[in-house]
Structures are given as C-alpha cells and as structure tokens.
Amino acid sequence: MTTGTEPEVIESEIYGTVVEAVKKNLVGTGLTALRIGPSGIPGSSVDVVTQDKDSMIAHEVAEGAEVPINLEALSTFNLKPVKYGIRPLITKEMIEDAKWDMVQRNLQESGYTMAKQLDTLLMEQIIAGAAANSTNHIVSGGAAITVANITAAIAFLEADDHVATDMIIHPEIAGDIRNIDTFVEADKAGVTDPSQRLIGTIFGMRVWVTTNGTVSAAGTTYYAFIIDRNHALCLAEKRPVTVERYNDVTRDLSGVAVTARWKARYLRPEACAYVSTT
C-alpha cells in the first residue's frame, strides 16, 4: 500500500464499508473439457493423448480371407504448467487503523485476480484453437454480428462432427444480438432469467456474456466464441491457487503470497470457432 492511499482507509477519514470493485464475469473454467490436477502430473509436465478422428476403418472381408489389422491412431501434446502469483503487502499501521481486516480484503481481491488470469488463459486458447485449424474456424463480421455470422461459425464445428454447445460473447455483441429481430422474442432467444450470466440460448447453444478475453488488447475487435465444451479446452493444474500468509518484521509489513501453476490449451482445435466484429 502506498503512502498516497493511506488516508483513504484510515478510520477517521472514511466510512466503515468498502464499495466492491466491479468484477468481470468469469466463465472459462466451467467450460473446460479436461482438467488435470496435481496427482495427474507426476513431473513438471504431462502428455495428453488424443484419439485421431476416423483413424480406424472397417474393411470388407471375403469369405475365408484374413481380417485386416487396424489400430486407432493417436496424437500427443505436452502441457507444462507455468507459475502465476500475486503478493500484496500492507503496513502494520494500516492494519491497526483500518476498520476491517486489510489482509483478508487483499486476499479476496488476490483470489479474484488469479481467477481472472486463469479465465483469460482459457479464452486465449479458444482463439488459438480456431486459428490452428487448416480451414481457420474464424468468421470476420462487420460492425455488428449477424445471424449468418453465427451459423457460419456453427457450421465449422458441425463439419468436423462437433456440436456447438456454448457461445461466449462480449457485451457489444450481446447488444447486437438483442437488436436482431430473430432473437428479440424471449421464446426464440431462450431467455428465462436475465439476471444470470447465462443470458439464454441461441440455436441450442448456451450463451454467456463477459468482458474478460472477448475484446482485443486495442479494444477495437470484439469476439463471439463458439465451442463444443466437451472437446474444446483443457487445463493442467500442477498447483491449485495456494495462499501463504507471512510477516516482514524488519519493515513492519504483513501480506499474503498467492500462487498457482497452470497451463491451458485447446484440446481439439476443430471444437473451437469465433466471430470477430468491430
């Protein structure tokens, strides 16, 4: 905590409640097809083996002829978790003078920050997966998303025998969709509880709205991710979010170290597609 912020948290200067910062909707971890925990990663990394589609063939066999040998083909990729962390420090004076547990509040915010980082990693892998396809599962929309854009992205998945189960969109795209006549009526959009992050269904897909990972770094491109949640994403988690509380006696500071070791990746690239708009 810097000196410039200290007056804002002293009991004599402010109210006894803290107004929570606006939080982003985080949806990525709930859409992960494969999540490998510490026990599944015996070393520093883990090899994920996937079955190649249609690699076995049934042959026509003549009477008395030998049945051909055929084995499934497999592919492998490696996931090596990387460490992420955050370490807030608070002066003892801040702890003594504040009207709430400053360490606990910073711990809560650190937990959210770590969750947001993991969510971002997963969203980035949807983009990477869509681009990794030989046909590039990417639909370039215009200033606003259209029904044709959505159905084109769905068609990419279906052409590879996947089912489009979920659509993750930026609020800018959600606004476009709410203005498309096809989806205006609640029975068509499937909206049953607008207060939830899950805002409805479109063409059988569950629709999620979030600003996390659905806009480019420049803020000029918005994304609508379309995935088959059963095959799109995987996560290797060597160390779940871990919290260690400590004191720095020499500087009269208290703090927490929050760390985790993760590696996110697309599981099957053909299960990922996205629409981009401006």
Protein backbone atom coordinates (compact mmCIF):
# COMPACT_ATOMS: atom_id res chain seq x y z
CA MET A 1 0.00 0.00 0.00
CA THR A 2 1.48 3.32 -0.96
CA THR A 3 1.50 6.37 1.28
CA GLY A 4 -0.80 8.19 -1.11
CA THR A 5 -3.65 5.73 -0.48
CA GLU A 6 -3.32 5.51 3.30
CA PRO A 7 -5.69 8.41 4.17
CA GLU A 8 -8.43 6.67 2.22
CA VAL A 9 -8.55 3.73 4.60
CA ILE A 10 -7.97 5.35 7.98
CA GLU A 11 -10.99 5.00 10.26
CA SER A 12 -11.33 8.73 10.93
CA GLU A 13 -11.43 9.57 7.21
CA ILE A 14 -13.86 7.13 5.57
CA TYR A 15 -16.99 5.05 6.01
CA GLY A 16 -16.80 1.65 7.64
CA THR A 17 -17.68 -0.20 4.46
CA VAL A 18 -15.75 -0.74 1.27
CA VAL A 19 -17.53 -0.47 -2.05
CA GLU A 20 -16.58 -3.58 -4.01
CA ALA A 21 -14.87 -3.06 -7.34
CA VAL A 22 -16.88 -4.11 -10.38
CA LYS A 23 -15.89 -7.69 -11.21
CA LYS A 24 -15.77 -9.33 -14.61
CA ASN A 25 -17.90 -12.38 -15.30
CA LEU A 26 -15.60 -15.40 -15.34
CA VAL A 27 -16.91 -18.42 -17.24
CA GLY A 28 -13.90 -20.24 -18.70
CA THR A 29 -13.20 -22.86 -16.05
CA GLY A 30 -16.78 -24.09 -16.19
CA LEU A 31 -16.34 -24.84 -19.90
CA THR A 32 -13.16 -26.91 -19.60
CA ALA A 33 -13.45 -30.39 -21.10
CA LEU A 34 -10.36 -31.84 -19.38
CA ARG A 35 -8.81 -30.61 -16.13
CA ILE A 36 -5.73 -32.47 -14.88
CA GLY A 37 -4.91 -31.95 -11.22
CA PRO A 38 -1.60 -32.28 -9.35
CA SER A 39 -1.97 -36.05 -8.90
CA GLY A 40 -2.21 -36.46 -12.68
CA ILE A 41 1.04 -34.57 -13.30
CA PRO A 42 3.82 -36.70 -11.75
CA GLY A 43 6.63 -34.45 -13.00
CA SER A 44 6.86 -30.89 -14.27
CA SER A 45 4.63 -31.61 -17.28
CA VAL A 46 2.08 -34.04 -18.61
CA ASP A 47 1.49 -35.59 -22.04
CA VAL A 48 -2.11 -35.52 -23.21
CA VAL A 49 -3.04 -38.25 -25.67
CA THR A 50 -5.99 -37.79 -28.01
CA GLN A 51 -7.56 -40.21 -30.45
CA ASP A 52 -7.38 -39.20 -34.11
CA LYS A 53 -10.79 -38.94 -35.70
CA ASP A 54 -11.85 -41.75 -38.05
CA SER A 55 -8.46 -43.47 -37.80
CA MET A 56 -9.95 -46.98 -37.78
CA ILE A 57 -11.52 -48.42 -40.90
CA ALA A 58 -13.83 -51.40 -41.27
CA HIS A 59 -12.82 -53.45 -44.32
CA GLU A 60 -14.90 -55.71 -46.47
CA VAL A 61 -13.56 -59.24 -45.97
CA ALA A 62 -14.04 -62.06 -48.46
CA GLU A 63 -15.09 -65.48 -47.26
CA GLY A 64 -12.11 -67.32 -45.76
CA ALA A 65 -9.85 -64.28 -46.10
CA GLU A 66 -7.76 -62.84 -43.29
CA VAL A 67 -9.33 -59.96 -41.39
CA PRO A 68 -7.06 -56.89 -41.82
CA ILE A 69 -5.32 -55.48 -38.76
CA ASN A 70 -6.24 -51.91 -37.96
CA LEU A 71 -5.39 -49.84 -34.87
CA GLU A 72 -6.54 -46.40 -33.85
CA ALA A 73 -4.11 -43.52 -34.44
CA LEU A 74 -3.19 -41.28 -31.52
CA SER A 75 -1.78 -37.77 -31.18
CA THR A 76 0.10 -36.31 -28.21
CA PHE A 77 0.86 -32.84 -26.92
CA ASN A 78 2.65 -31.72 -23.77
CA LEU A 79 1.40 -29.34 -21.10
CA LYS A 80 3.97 -27.76 -18.78
CA PRO A 81 2.35 -25.60 -16.08
CA VAL A 82 3.72 -22.10 -15.52
CA LYS A 83 3.66 -20.31 -12.16
CA TYR A 84 1.47 -17.25 -11.67
CA GLY A 85 1.31 -15.20 -8.49
CA ILE A 86 0.47 -12.01 -6.68
CA ARG A 87 1.80 -10.66 -3.36
CA PRO A 88 0.03 -7.75 -1.68
CA LEU A 89 1.84 -6.12 1.27
CA ILE A 90 0.21 -3.99 3.97
CA THR A 91 1.82 -1.89 6.68
CA LYS A 92 1.11 -2.69 10.30
CA GLU A 93 -0.24 0.84 10.75
CA MET A 94 -2.80 0.19 8.05
CA ILE A 95 -3.91 -2.97 9.85
CA GLU A 96 -4.14 -1.14 13.18
CA ASP A 97 -6.06 1.88 11.87
CA ALA A 98 -8.39 0.33 9.33
CA LYS A 99 -11.93 -0.67 10.30
CA TRP A 100 -11.71 -4.03 8.57
CA ASP A 101 -9.22 -6.83 8.05
CA MET A 102 -6.97 -5.38 5.35
CA VAL A 103 -5.12 -8.66 4.86
CA GLN A 104 -8.39 -10.54 4.36
CA ARG A 105 -9.68 -7.98 1.87
CA ASN A 106 -6.48 -8.08 -0.16
CA LEU A 107 -6.59 -11.87 -0.02
CA GLN A 108 -10.09 -11.85 -1.50
CA GLU A 109 -9.04 -9.48 -4.26
CA SER A 110 -5.93 -11.56 -4.97
CA GLY A 111 -8.10 -14.66 -5.35
CA TYR A 112 -10.30 -12.88 -7.86
CA THR A 113 -7.26 -11.60 -9.76
CA MET A 114 -5.88 -15.13 -10.05
CA ALA A 115 -9.25 -16.45 -11.24
CA LYS A 116 -9.40 -13.70 -13.85
CA GLN A 117 -5.92 -14.64 -15.08
CA LEU A 118 -6.90 -18.29 -15.48
CA ASP A 119 -10.09 -17.31 -17.29
CA THR A 120 -8.06 -15.14 -19.68
CA LEU A 121 -5.69 -18.02 -20.44
CA LEU A 122 -8.62 -20.23 -21.41
CA MET A 123 -10.24 -17.56 -23.60
CA GLU A 124 -6.92 -17.07 -25.42
CA GLN A 125 -6.84 -20.78 -26.21
CA ILE A 126 -10.21 -20.62 -27.98
CA ILE A 127 -8.69 -18.04 -30.33
CA ALA A 128 -5.58 -20.19 -30.76
CA GLY A 129 -7.65 -23.32 -31.39
CA ALA A 130 -9.80 -21.64 -34.04
CA ALA A 131 -6.68 -20.38 -35.84
CA ALA A 132 -4.96 -23.79 -35.63
CA ASN A 133 -7.50 -25.41 -37.96
CA SER A 134 -6.43 -25.93 -41.55
CA THR A 135 -9.62 -24.15 -42.59
CA ASN A 136 -9.30 -21.45 -39.89
CA HIS A 137 -12.54 -21.55 -37.91
CA ILE A 138 -12.79 -17.76 -37.98
CA VAL A 139 -15.69 -15.66 -39.23
CA SER A 140 -14.99 -11.98 -39.89
CA GLY A 141 -18.10 -9.97 -39.20
CA GLY A 142 -18.69 -6.28 -39.80
CA ALA A 143 -19.73 -3.55 -37.44
CA ALA A 144 -22.40 -5.83 -35.95
CA ILE A 145 -22.79 -9.60 -35.73
CA THR A 146 -25.38 -11.22 -37.98
CA VAL A 147 -27.32 -14.48 -37.91
CA ALA A 148 -25.27 -15.58 -40.92
CA ASN A 149 -22.04 -15.00 -38.94
CA ILE A 150 -23.28 -17.20 -36.10
CA THR A 151 -24.47 -20.02 -38.35
CA ALA A 152 -21.20 -19.94 -40.31
CA ALA A 153 -19.19 -20.48 -37.09
CA ILE A 154 -21.54 -23.28 -36.03
CA ALA A 155 -21.10 -24.89 -39.45
CA PHE A 156 -17.32 -25.04 -38.91
CA LEU A 157 -17.83 -27.21 -35.81
CA GLU A 158 -20.54 -29.36 -37.34
CA ALA A 159 -18.44 -30.06 -40.42
CA ASP A 160 -15.95 -31.70 -38.05
CA ASP A 161 -18.68 -33.67 -36.25
CA HIS A 162 -18.78 -31.41 -33.19
CA VAL A 163 -21.82 -29.90 -31.53
CA ALA A 164 -21.84 -26.17 -30.78
CA THR A 165 -22.78 -26.17 -27.08
CA ASP A 166 -21.73 -22.73 -25.81
CA MET A 167 -21.33 -19.19 -27.08
CA ILE A 168 -19.23 -16.69 -25.09
CA ILE A 169 -19.74 -13.09 -26.19
CA HIS A 170 -18.68 -9.55 -25.39
CA PRO A 171 -21.46 -7.15 -24.25
CA GLU A 172 -21.02 -5.22 -27.51
CA ILE A 173 -22.01 -8.36 -29.42
CA ALA A 174 -24.76 -9.11 -26.92
CA GLY A 175 -26.18 -5.69 -27.80
CA ASP A 176 -26.08 -6.57 -31.49
CA ILE A 177 -27.91 -9.84 -30.85
CA ARG A 178 -30.61 -8.14 -28.77
CA ASN A 179 -31.35 -5.96 -31.79
CA ILE A 180 -31.71 -8.85 -34.24
CA ASP A 181 -35.40 -9.50 -34.84
CA THR A 182 -34.86 -13.25 -34.89
CA PHE A 183 -33.79 -13.19 -31.25
CA VAL A 184 -35.96 -10.42 -29.85
CA GLU A 185 -38.77 -12.63 -28.57
CA ALA A 186 -37.92 -14.40 -25.32
CA ASP A 187 -39.18 -17.75 -26.55
CA LYS A 188 -36.78 -17.54 -29.50
CA ALA A 189 -33.79 -16.31 -27.50
CA GLY A 190 -34.50 -18.74 -24.65
CA VAL A 191 -34.04 -16.02 -22.02
CA THR A 192 -35.57 -17.19 -18.76
CA ASP A 193 -33.57 -15.26 -16.17
CA PRO A 194 -31.89 -12.09 -17.48
CA SER A 195 -30.12 -11.57 -14.13
CA GLN A 196 -27.83 -14.53 -14.76
CA ARG A 197 -24.56 -14.51 -16.69
CA LEU A 198 -26.13 -17.20 -18.85
CA ILE A 199 -28.46 -14.94 -20.84
CA GLY A 200 -30.24 -17.52 -22.93
CA THR A 201 -29.85 -19.98 -25.75
CA ILE A 202 -29.27 -19.40 -29.44
CA PHE A 203 -29.56 -22.32 -31.86
CA GLY A 204 -29.31 -24.65 -28.85
CA MET A 205 -26.13 -23.03 -27.53
CA ARG A 206 -25.92 -21.66 -24.01
CA VAL A 207 -24.93 -18.01 -24.22
CA TRP A 208 -22.57 -16.32 -21.76
CA VAL A 209 -21.69 -12.62 -21.61
CA THR A 210 -18.29 -11.49 -20.33
CA THR A 211 -15.77 -8.72 -20.98
CA ASN A 212 -12.88 -10.98 -19.99
CA GLY A 213 -10.98 -12.19 -23.05
CA THR A 214 -13.70 -11.23 -25.53
CA VAL A 215 -12.14 -7.96 -26.72
CA SER A 216 -8.76 -7.33 -28.34
CA ALA A 217 -5.98 -5.58 -26.44
CA ALA A 218 -6.56 -2.47 -28.54
CA GLY A 219 -10.26 -2.56 -27.69
CA THR A 220 -11.26 -2.42 -31.35
CA THR A 221 -12.27 -6.02 -32.04
CA TYR A 222 -14.99 -7.94 -30.23
CA TYR A 223 -15.31 -11.72 -30.14
CA ALA A 224 -18.09 -14.28 -30.03
CA PHE A 225 -16.55 -17.65 -29.19
CA ILE A 226 -18.42 -20.78 -30.23
CA ILE A 227 -17.23 -24.10 -28.80
CA ASP A 228 -18.08 -27.71 -28.18
CA ARG A 229 -17.47 -27.70 -24.43
CA ASN A 230 -16.88 -31.47 -24.41
CA HIS A 231 -13.81 -31.18 -26.63
CA ALA A 232 -12.58 -27.57 -26.78
CA LEU A 233 -10.37 -26.80 -23.78
CA CYS A 234 -8.02 -28.50 -21.34
CA LEU A 235 -6.11 -27.34 -18.28
CA ALA A 236 -3.12 -28.77 -16.44
CA GLU A 237 -3.07 -27.56 -12.84
CA LYS A 238 0.12 -28.59 -11.06
CA ARG A 239 -0.57 -26.27 -8.13
CA PRO A 240 -4.09 -25.01 -7.40
CA VAL A 241 -4.40 -21.49 -6.02
CA THR A 242 -2.30 -21.56 -2.85
CA VAL A 243 -2.18 -18.88 -0.16
CA GLU A 244 0.66 -18.28 2.28
CA ARG A 245 0.37 -15.55 4.86
CA TYR A 246 3.57 -14.02 6.21
CA ASN A 247 5.05 -11.09 8.17
CA ASP A 248 8.05 -8.97 7.24
CA VAL A 249 9.20 -7.98 10.72
CA THR A 250 12.07 -5.74 9.59
CA ARG A 251 9.72 -3.48 7.61
CA ASP A 252 6.65 -3.95 9.81
CA LEU A 253 4.62 -5.40 6.93
CA SER A 254 2.06 -8.17 6.66
CA GLY A 255 0.97 -9.84 3.47
CA VAL A 256 -0.01 -12.92 1.55
CA ALA A 257 1.61 -14.72 -1.35
CA VAL A 258 -0.96 -16.20 -3.72
CA THR A 259 0.40 -18.58 -6.36
CA ALA A 260 -0.72 -21.26 -8.80
CA ARG A 261 0.81 -23.31 -11.63
CA TRP A 262 -1.34 -23.67 -14.74
CA LYS A 263 -1.13 -24.46 -18.44
CA ALA A 264 -4.22 -24.03 -20.60
CA ARG A 265 -4.56 -25.31 -24.16
CA TYR A 266 -7.19 -26.16 -26.71
CA LEU A 267 -7.91 -29.89 -26.60
CA ARG A 268 -9.24 -30.31 -30.13
CA PRO A 269 -8.86 -27.23 -32.36
CA GLU A 270 -11.82 -28.19 -34.53
CA ALA A 271 -14.08 -27.75 -31.47
CA CYS A 272 -13.28 -24.01 -31.42
CA ALA A 273 -14.51 -21.17 -33.63
CA TYR A 274 -15.15 -17.48 -33.26
CA VAL A 275 -16.78 -14.48 -34.90
CA SER A 276 -14.98 -11.13 -34.77
CA THR A 277 -16.72 -7.77 -35.15
CA THR A 278 -15.70 -4.17 -34.96
